[in-house]
């Protein structure tokens, strides 16, 4: 079987992205989330597109989540990207 999948430098960098722990403020309380940089970058982009702060976006996701916050943020980014296609 031939593999037609080519790994470019951007993909290689994303696949090697370390998890970074960040402190965020949700409803006046500080909490930490652990996310890879590409997910964080997408959250910033989404917040900018919606013309809201990153804290506001994370608060919205936090209110709707059914899993831990870091996972919910990743799933939110995934769904946003899927809805764009």
N, C-alpha and C. Protein backbone atom coordinates (compact mmCIF):
# COMPACT_ATOMS: atom_id res chain seq x y z
N UNK A 1 0.84 -1.17 0.00
CA UNK A 1 0.00 0.00 0.00
C UNK A 1 0.89 1.24 0.00
N UNK A 2 0.56 2.19 -0.85
CA UNK A 2 1.33 3.43 -0.96
C UNK A 2 0.73 4.49 -0.06
N UNK A 3 1.59 5.17 0.67
CA UNK A 3 1.15 6.26 1.53
C UNK A 3 1.27 7.57 0.77
N UNK A 4 0.14 8.22 0.49
CA UNK A 4 0.13 9.48 -0.25
C UNK A 4 0.19 10.68 0.68
N UNK A 5 0.40 10.44 1.94
CA UNK A 5 0.44 11.51 2.93
C UNK A 5 1.85 12.07 3.03
N UNK A 6 1.98 13.37 2.79
CA UNK A 6 3.28 14.03 2.87
C UNK A 6 3.29 14.93 4.09
N UNK A 7 4.32 14.82 4.87
CA UNK A 7 4.45 15.67 6.06
C UNK A 7 5.31 16.86 5.69
N UNK A 8 4.70 18.06 5.74
CA UNK A 8 5.46 19.28 5.49
C UNK A 8 5.99 19.84 6.81
N UNK A 9 6.77 20.88 6.73
CA UNK A 9 7.39 21.45 7.94
C UNK A 9 6.37 21.99 8.92
N UNK A 10 5.30 22.64 8.42
CA UNK A 10 4.28 23.16 9.32
C UNK A 10 3.63 22.04 10.12
N UNK A 11 3.30 20.95 9.44
CA UNK A 11 2.69 19.81 10.12
C UNK A 11 3.66 19.19 11.11
N UNK A 12 4.91 19.06 10.71
CA UNK A 12 5.92 18.50 11.61
C UNK A 12 6.04 19.37 12.87
N UNK A 13 6.05 20.68 12.71
CA UNK A 13 6.14 21.58 13.86
C UNK A 13 4.91 21.43 14.76
N UNK A 14 3.73 21.35 14.15
CA UNK A 14 2.50 21.19 14.94
C UNK A 14 2.51 19.88 15.70
N UNK A 15 2.97 18.83 15.08
CA UNK A 15 2.99 17.52 15.73
C UNK A 15 4.02 17.45 16.85
N UNK A 16 4.95 18.38 16.84
CA UNK A 16 5.99 18.41 17.87
C UNK A 16 5.74 19.49 18.91
N UNK A 17 4.61 20.17 18.82
CA UNK A 17 4.32 21.28 19.71
C UNK A 17 4.13 20.78 21.15
N UNK A 18 4.89 21.34 22.08
CA UNK A 18 4.74 20.92 23.48
C UNK A 18 3.45 21.49 24.08
N UNK A 19 2.99 20.85 25.11
CA UNK A 19 1.84 21.34 25.86
C UNK A 19 2.34 22.45 26.78
N UNK A 20 1.65 23.59 26.72
CA UNK A 20 2.04 24.74 27.53
C UNK A 20 0.92 25.03 28.52
N UNK A 21 1.28 25.19 29.79
CA UNK A 21 0.29 25.51 30.82
C UNK A 21 0.14 27.02 30.89
N UNK A 22 -1.12 27.48 30.80
CA UNK A 22 -1.41 28.91 30.83
C UNK A 22 -2.46 29.19 31.91
N UNK A 23 -2.39 30.36 32.48
CA UNK A 23 -3.40 30.78 33.45
C UNK A 23 -4.42 31.65 32.73
N UNK A 24 -5.70 31.34 32.94
CA UNK A 24 -6.78 32.12 32.34
C UNK A 24 -7.73 32.54 33.44
N UNK A 25 -8.46 33.61 33.19
CA UNK A 25 -9.41 34.13 34.15
C UNK A 25 -10.82 33.83 33.65
N UNK A 26 -11.58 33.08 34.45
CA UNK A 26 -12.95 32.73 34.10
C UNK A 26 -13.85 33.20 35.24
N UNK A 27 -14.75 34.10 34.91
CA UNK A 27 -15.72 34.62 35.90
C UNK A 27 -15.03 35.09 37.18
N UNK A 28 -13.90 35.78 37.02
CA UNK A 28 -13.21 36.34 38.17
C UNK A 28 -12.30 35.38 38.91
N UNK A 29 -12.18 34.15 38.42
CA UNK A 29 -11.31 33.16 39.06
C UNK A 29 -10.21 32.73 38.10
N UNK A 30 -9.02 32.59 38.63
CA UNK A 30 -7.91 32.10 37.82
C UNK A 30 -7.91 30.58 37.81
N UNK A 31 -7.65 30.02 36.64
CA UNK A 31 -7.49 28.58 36.51
C UNK A 31 -6.44 28.35 35.44
N UNK A 32 -5.94 27.15 35.36
CA UNK A 32 -4.92 26.87 34.35
C UNK A 32 -5.45 25.88 33.33
N UNK A 33 -4.97 26.05 32.11
CA UNK A 33 -5.27 25.12 31.02
C UNK A 33 -3.95 24.71 30.39
N UNK A 34 -3.90 23.50 29.89
CA UNK A 34 -2.71 22.99 29.22
C UNK A 34 -3.06 22.72 27.78
N UNK A 35 -2.46 23.51 26.88
CA UNK A 35 -2.76 23.40 25.45
C UNK A 35 -1.50 23.53 24.62
N UNK A 36 -1.50 22.88 23.48
CA UNK A 36 -0.44 23.06 22.51
C UNK A 36 -0.62 24.43 21.84
N UNK A 37 0.47 25.03 21.39
CA UNK A 37 0.43 26.37 20.80
C UNK A 37 -0.54 26.48 19.62
N UNK A 38 -0.62 25.50 18.71
CA UNK A 38 -1.57 25.64 17.60
C UNK A 38 -3.02 25.78 18.06
N UNK A 39 -3.41 25.09 19.13
CA UNK A 39 -4.77 25.24 19.65
C UNK A 39 -4.96 26.64 20.25
N UNK A 40 -3.96 27.11 20.97
CA UNK A 40 -4.04 28.45 21.56
C UNK A 40 -4.16 29.51 20.46
N UNK A 41 -3.36 29.36 19.42
CA UNK A 41 -3.40 30.30 18.30
C UNK A 41 -4.79 30.35 17.66
N UNK A 42 -5.42 29.19 17.52
CA UNK A 42 -6.76 29.14 16.93
C UNK A 42 -7.80 29.79 17.84
N UNK A 43 -7.68 29.60 19.15
CA UNK A 43 -8.60 30.25 20.08
C UNK A 43 -8.47 31.77 19.98
N UNK A 44 -7.25 32.26 19.87
CA UNK A 44 -7.03 33.71 19.72
C UNK A 44 -7.68 34.19 18.43
N UNK A 45 -7.51 33.44 17.34
CA UNK A 45 -8.10 33.81 16.05
C UNK A 45 -9.62 33.86 16.14
N UNK A 46 -10.21 32.84 16.76
CA UNK A 46 -11.67 32.76 16.89
C UNK A 46 -12.19 33.95 17.71
N UNK A 47 -11.53 34.24 18.83
CA UNK A 47 -11.95 35.37 19.66
C UNK A 47 -11.85 36.67 18.86
N UNK A 48 -10.77 36.84 18.11
CA UNK A 48 -10.62 38.04 17.29
C UNK A 48 -11.73 38.14 16.25
N UNK A 49 -12.05 37.03 15.60
CA UNK A 49 -13.11 37.03 14.59
C UNK A 49 -14.46 37.40 15.20
N UNK A 50 -14.69 36.97 16.42
CA UNK A 50 -15.96 37.25 17.10
C UNK A 50 -15.96 38.61 17.79
N UNK A 51 -14.80 39.27 17.76
CA UNK A 51 -14.64 40.57 18.39
C UNK A 51 -14.94 40.52 19.89
N UNK A 52 -14.45 39.45 20.53
CA UNK A 52 -14.56 39.31 21.98
C UNK A 52 -13.18 38.98 22.53
N UNK A 53 -13.03 39.13 23.82
CA UNK A 53 -11.73 38.80 24.44
C UNK A 53 -11.57 37.29 24.50
N UNK A 54 -10.34 36.88 24.61
CA UNK A 54 -10.05 35.46 24.76
C UNK A 54 -10.68 34.92 26.04
N UNK A 55 -10.66 35.71 27.10
CA UNK A 55 -11.30 35.29 28.36
C UNK A 55 -12.80 35.07 28.19
N UNK A 56 -13.44 35.95 27.41
CA UNK A 56 -14.88 35.78 27.16
C UNK A 56 -15.15 34.48 26.39
N UNK A 57 -14.33 34.22 25.39
CA UNK A 57 -14.51 32.99 24.61
C UNK A 57 -14.32 31.76 25.49
N UNK A 58 -13.27 31.77 26.28
CA UNK A 58 -13.00 30.62 27.16
C UNK A 58 -14.12 30.48 28.18
N UNK A 59 -14.67 31.57 28.68
CA UNK A 59 -15.79 31.50 29.62
C UNK A 59 -17.01 30.85 28.98
N UNK A 60 -17.29 31.21 27.72
CA UNK A 60 -18.42 30.61 27.00
C UNK A 60 -18.22 29.09 26.85
N UNK A 61 -17.02 28.70 26.50
CA UNK A 61 -16.72 27.28 26.34
C UNK A 61 -16.83 26.58 27.69
N UNK A 62 -16.33 27.23 28.73
CA UNK A 62 -16.37 26.66 30.07
C UNK A 62 -17.81 26.39 30.51
N UNK A 63 -18.72 27.31 30.23
CA UNK A 63 -20.12 27.16 30.63
C UNK A 63 -20.80 25.99 29.93
N UNK A 64 -20.36 25.68 28.71
CA UNK A 64 -21.02 24.65 27.90
C UNK A 64 -20.33 23.29 27.97
N UNK A 65 -19.20 23.23 28.63
CA UNK A 65 -18.38 22.01 28.54
C UNK A 65 -18.96 20.84 29.33
N UNK A 66 -18.60 19.63 28.85
CA UNK A 66 -18.97 18.42 29.54
C UNK A 66 -17.76 17.58 29.89
N UNK A 67 -16.58 18.15 29.74
CA UNK A 67 -15.32 17.46 30.00
C UNK A 67 -14.37 18.47 30.64
N UNK A 68 -13.12 18.08 30.86
CA UNK A 68 -12.18 19.05 31.46
C UNK A 68 -11.96 20.21 30.49
N UNK A 69 -11.57 21.34 31.02
CA UNK A 69 -11.50 22.57 30.24
C UNK A 69 -10.52 22.48 29.08
N UNK A 70 -9.35 21.93 29.30
CA UNK A 70 -8.36 21.83 28.22
C UNK A 70 -8.91 21.00 27.06
N UNK A 71 -9.54 19.89 27.37
CA UNK A 71 -10.14 19.06 26.31
C UNK A 71 -11.27 19.80 25.61
N UNK A 72 -12.09 20.50 26.38
CA UNK A 72 -13.20 21.26 25.79
C UNK A 72 -12.68 22.32 24.83
N UNK A 73 -11.58 22.97 25.17
CA UNK A 73 -11.01 23.98 24.29
C UNK A 73 -10.52 23.35 22.99
N UNK A 74 -9.86 22.21 23.10
CA UNK A 74 -9.40 21.52 21.88
C UNK A 74 -10.58 21.10 21.02
N UNK A 75 -11.61 20.55 21.63
CA UNK A 75 -12.79 20.11 20.87
C UNK A 75 -13.50 21.30 20.23
N UNK A 76 -13.55 22.41 20.93
CA UNK A 76 -14.15 23.62 20.37
C UNK A 76 -13.40 24.06 19.11
N UNK A 77 -12.08 24.10 19.20
CA UNK A 77 -11.26 24.47 18.03
C UNK A 77 -11.50 23.50 16.89
N UNK A 78 -11.52 22.21 17.18
CA UNK A 78 -11.76 21.21 16.14
C UNK A 78 -13.11 21.44 15.46
N UNK A 79 -14.15 21.66 16.24
CA UNK A 79 -15.48 21.88 15.66
C UNK A 79 -15.52 23.17 14.84
N UNK A 80 -14.86 24.20 15.30
CA UNK A 80 -14.81 25.45 14.55
C UNK A 80 -14.14 25.23 13.20
N UNK A 81 -13.03 24.53 13.20
CA UNK A 81 -12.31 24.27 11.94
C UNK A 81 -13.14 23.37 11.01
N UNK A 82 -13.81 22.37 11.56
CA UNK A 82 -14.65 21.49 10.74
C UNK A 82 -15.81 22.26 10.13
N UNK A 83 -16.37 23.19 10.87
CA UNK A 83 -17.51 23.97 10.37
C UNK A 83 -17.11 24.96 9.28
N UNK A 84 -15.84 25.22 9.13
CA UNK A 84 -15.35 26.14 8.10
C UNK A 84 -15.28 25.50 6.73
N UNK A 85 -15.25 24.18 6.70
CA UNK A 85 -15.11 23.48 5.40
C UNK A 85 -16.44 23.15 4.79
